Protein backbone atom coordinates (compact mmCIF):
# COMPACT_ATOMS: atom_id res chain seq x y z
CA MET A 1 -12.74 -0.25 -4.52
CA ILE A 2 -10.14 -2.81 -5.61
CA HIS A 3 -9.57 -5.04 -2.60
CA GLN A 4 -8.92 -8.47 -1.15
CA PHE A 5 -10.47 -9.97 1.99
CA ILE A 6 -8.63 -12.62 3.99
CA LYS A 7 -10.64 -14.29 6.72
CA GLY A 8 -9.01 -14.60 10.13
CA THR A 9 -10.04 -16.23 13.38
CA THR A 10 -10.98 -13.12 15.38
CA GLU A 11 -13.62 -10.40 15.04
CA THR A 12 -11.01 -7.67 14.47
CA THR A 13 -10.22 -6.60 10.91
CA LEU A 14 -7.10 -4.71 9.86
CA VAL A 15 -7.84 -2.47 6.87
CA LEU A 16 -4.64 -1.96 4.87
CA LEU A 17 -3.85 1.06 2.68
CA HIS A 18 -0.52 1.10 0.83
CA GLY A 19 1.75 3.99 -0.11
CA THR A 20 2.20 5.57 -3.54
CA GLY A 21 3.00 2.97 -6.17
CA GLY A 22 1.95 0.06 -3.99
CA THR A 23 -0.65 -2.68 -4.31
CA GLU A 24 -3.07 -4.45 -2.03
CA GLN A 25 -0.39 -7.09 -1.39
CA ASP A 26 2.25 -4.76 0.07
CA LEU A 27 1.15 -4.52 3.69
CA ILE A 28 -0.10 -8.07 4.24
CA PRO A 29 3.27 -9.23 5.70
CA LEU A 30 3.20 -6.23 8.06
CA ALA A 31 -0.34 -7.08 9.16
CA ARG A 32 0.68 -10.70 9.80
CA GLU A 33 3.63 -9.46 11.84
CA LEU A 34 1.38 -7.23 13.96
CA ALA A 35 -1.63 -9.50 14.45
CA PRO A 36 -1.50 -12.89 12.69
CA GLU A 37 -5.05 -13.98 13.58
CA VAL A 38 -7.11 -10.96 12.48
CA ASN A 39 -9.19 -10.56 9.34
CA ILE A 40 -7.45 -8.54 6.62
CA LEU A 41 -9.24 -6.18 4.26
CA THR A 42 -6.60 -4.76 1.96
CA LEU A 43 -7.22 -2.07 -0.66
CA ARG A 44 -5.52 -0.85 -3.81
CA GLY A 45 -5.75 2.79 -4.77
CA ASP A 46 -7.23 3.29 -8.22
CA VAL A 47 -5.99 6.83 -8.81
CA LEU A 48 -2.97 6.62 -11.10
CA GLU A 49 -0.05 9.05 -11.03
CA ASN A 50 2.52 8.26 -13.73
CA GLY A 51 1.31 4.67 -13.58
CA MET A 52 1.58 4.46 -9.78
CA SER A 53 -1.45 3.61 -7.67
CA ARG A 54 -2.63 6.14 -5.10
CA PHE A 55 -5.81 6.68 -3.09
CA PHE A 56 -6.30 10.32 -4.13
CA ARG A 57 -4.75 12.90 -6.43
CA ARG A 58 -2.10 15.46 -5.54
CA HIS A 59 -0.89 18.56 -7.38
CA ALA A 60 2.76 17.94 -6.48
CA GLU A 61 4.72 16.10 -3.81
CA GLY A 62 3.36 17.33 -0.49
CA VAL A 63 0.54 19.32 -2.16
CA LEU A 64 -2.69 17.35 -1.85
CA ASP A 65 -5.75 17.76 -4.06
CA LEU A 66 -8.19 18.54 -1.25
CA GLU A 67 -11.34 18.18 -3.33
CA ASP A 68 -10.34 14.74 -4.52
CA LEU A 69 -9.17 13.83 -1.01
CA LYS A 70 -12.61 14.69 0.37
CA ARG A 71 -14.36 12.65 -2.31
CA GLN A 72 -12.09 9.65 -1.90
CA THR A 73 -12.40 9.79 1.89
CA GLU A 74 -16.19 9.61 1.66
CA ARG A 75 -15.87 6.77 -0.84
CA PHE A 76 -13.50 4.91 1.51
CA LEU A 77 -15.85 5.19 4.48
CA THR A 78 -18.83 4.06 2.40
CA PHE A 79 -16.80 1.12 1.14
CA LEU A 80 -16.04 0.03 4.72
CA ASP A 81 -19.74 0.13 5.61
CA ASP A 82 -20.56 -1.96 2.55
CA ALA A 83 -17.70 -4.40 3.18
CA SER A 84 -18.87 -5.04 6.74
CA THR A 85 -22.17 -6.27 5.30
CA GLU A 86 -20.64 -8.17 2.37
CA TYR A 87 -18.11 -10.08 4.47
CA GLY A 88 -20.06 -10.27 7.74
CA ILE A 89 -17.44 -8.36 9.73
CA ASP A 90 -17.94 -5.91 12.58
CA ARG A 91 -17.56 -2.32 11.35
CA ASP A 92 -16.75 -1.18 14.88
CA LYS A 93 -13.82 -3.60 15.05
CA MET A 94 -12.13 -2.38 11.88
CA ILE A 95 -8.67 -0.92 12.53
CA PRO A 96 -7.16 0.90 9.53
CA LEU A 97 -3.42 0.75 8.94
CA GLY A 98 -1.88 2.99 6.32
CA TYR A 99 1.56 3.89 5.07
CA SER A 100 2.30 7.32 3.53
CA ASN A 101 -0.47 7.98 0.97
CA GLY A 102 -2.68 5.36 2.62
CA ALA A 103 -2.05 6.88 6.05
CA ASN A 104 -3.10 10.26 4.69
CA LEU A 105 -6.47 8.86 3.62
CA ILE A 106 -7.03 7.47 7.11
CA GLY A 107 -5.97 10.81 8.59
CA SER A 108 -8.50 12.55 6.35
CA ALA A 109 -11.22 10.24 7.66
CA LEU A 110 -10.26 11.09 11.25
CA TYR A 111 -10.29 14.80 10.44
CA ARG A 112 -13.91 14.46 9.30
CA LYS A 113 -15.53 12.08 11.80
CA GLN A 114 -14.85 9.71 14.67
CA ALA A 115 -14.66 6.80 12.25
CA PHE A 116 -12.42 4.34 14.11
CA HIS A 117 -11.61 3.41 17.70
CA ALA A 118 -8.01 2.64 16.73
CA SER A 119 -5.86 3.61 13.72
CA LEU A 120 -2.23 3.12 12.72
CA LEU A 121 -0.60 5.82 10.59
CA PHE A 122 2.91 5.14 9.30
CA HIS A 123 4.61 8.30 8.00
CA PRO A 124 1.48 10.45 7.53
CA MET A 125 1.07 14.14 6.67
CA VAL A 126 -1.51 16.69 7.83
CA PRO A 127 -4.42 15.87 5.49
CA ASP A 128 -6.41 19.12 5.41
CA ARG A 129 -5.68 22.28 7.39
CA SER A 130 -9.01 23.86 6.39
CA LEU A 131 -11.06 21.53 8.59
CA THR A 132 -12.28 21.91 12.15
CA LEU A 133 -11.90 18.47 13.63
CA PRO A 134 -14.80 16.58 15.24
CA ASP A 135 -14.69 15.41 18.85
CA LEU A 136 -12.25 12.48 18.73
CA THR A 137 -12.63 11.44 22.35
CA GLY A 138 -12.30 7.67 22.39
CA ALA A 139 -10.18 7.53 19.24
CA ASN A 140 -6.74 5.94 19.64
CA VAL A 141 -4.05 6.65 17.07
CA PHE A 142 -0.54 5.29 16.57
CA ILE A 143 1.72 7.53 14.47
CA SER A 144 5.24 6.64 13.42
CA ALA A 145 7.68 8.73 11.45
CA GLY A 146 11.33 9.17 10.56
CA GLU A 147 13.41 11.85 12.24
CA ARG A 148 14.94 12.73 8.85
CA ASP A 149 12.02 12.05 6.52
CA PRO A 150 12.39 14.29 3.42
CA ILE A 151 8.80 13.63 2.31
CA CYS A 152 7.12 14.15 5.67
CA PRO A 153 9.24 16.49 7.83
CA LYS A 154 9.09 16.32 11.60
CA THR A 155 7.14 19.59 11.81
CA GLU A 156 4.37 17.92 9.79
CA THR A 157 4.27 14.94 12.15
CA GLU A 158 4.21 17.15 15.23
CA GLU A 159 1.38 19.29 13.83
CA LEU A 160 -0.73 16.24 13.00
CA THR A 161 -0.14 14.75 16.44
CA SER A 162 -0.95 18.01 18.21
CA THR A 163 -4.12 18.57 16.18
CA LEU A 164 -5.46 15.08 16.83
CA ARG A 165 -4.70 15.37 20.55
CA GLY A 166 -6.39 18.75 20.63
CA ALA A 167 -9.56 17.11 19.30
CA GLY A 168 -9.48 14.54 22.10
CA ALA A 169 -7.71 11.60 20.46
CA ASP A 170 -5.21 9.53 22.44
CA VAL A 171 -2.11 9.57 20.22
CA GLU A 172 1.08 7.58 20.62
CA LEU A 173 3.95 8.99 18.57
CA PHE A 174 7.04 6.97 17.66
CA TYR A 175 10.12 8.14 15.77
CA HIS A 176 12.94 6.17 14.24
CA GLY A 177 16.21 7.78 13.23
CA GLY A 178 15.82 7.41 9.47
CA GLY A 179 13.68 8.74 6.66
CA HIS A 180 10.46 7.67 4.94
CA GLU A 181 11.19 3.93 5.06
CA LEU A 182 9.47 1.49 7.39
CA ARG A 183 11.81 0.08 10.03
CA MET A 184 11.50 -2.91 12.34
CA GLU A 185 11.61 -0.77 15.49
CA GLU A 186 8.42 1.05 14.47
CA VAL A 187 6.77 -2.26 13.61
CA GLU A 188 7.62 -3.53 17.09
CA ALA A 189 6.28 -0.34 18.68
CA ALA A 190 3.09 -0.63 16.62
CA ARG A 191 2.63 -4.25 17.69
CA ALA A 192 2.91 -3.35 21.37
CA TRP A 193 0.46 -0.47 20.93
CA LEU A 194 -2.05 -2.53 18.92
CA THR A 195 -2.26 -5.59 21.18
CA PRO A 196 -4.78 -4.16 23.70
CA PHE A 197 -7.21 -3.32 20.86
CA LEU A 198 -7.33 -6.87 19.47
CA GLY A 199 -9.52 -8.42 22.16
């Protein structure tokens, strides 16, 4: 997968996954704001939609290509295993952070296995309603969303949160009053939530 690794001074690695049309550079400032000393492993989706980078295909806005999502999720998890060896980083101390399309890929990973001890999902959707979730006891998830998000309505956010909690995950949910954009108040909430997992 197209990526960049930036060495930090701790054993924790933030894995960054951008939204539709983004690049591997987009979320680096956010990661620095949240945890300036961690390693950064940042990815670029190589599925193109009208020239825009994504991590998996979709049939239309809000209609995910579930077969491609499954394939790309498996590819993502394999990549993380390989990257831990290549860069000498602890796979168990990887914390994925995704926005929109990137958050949906992380959500898909969580729906399939207990892949991470902590994850940050900014403006995610329900990835796949056909799946029975694994036991997510011990998984910690931060979800943020906009109260008036036209792309990811509040019902979607509530369903995702409820489903993850039902599988045993500890989920913190934060709303801001706007739409699909990232706002400073959710960044501040994410920073406070993330700090205990950086030790």
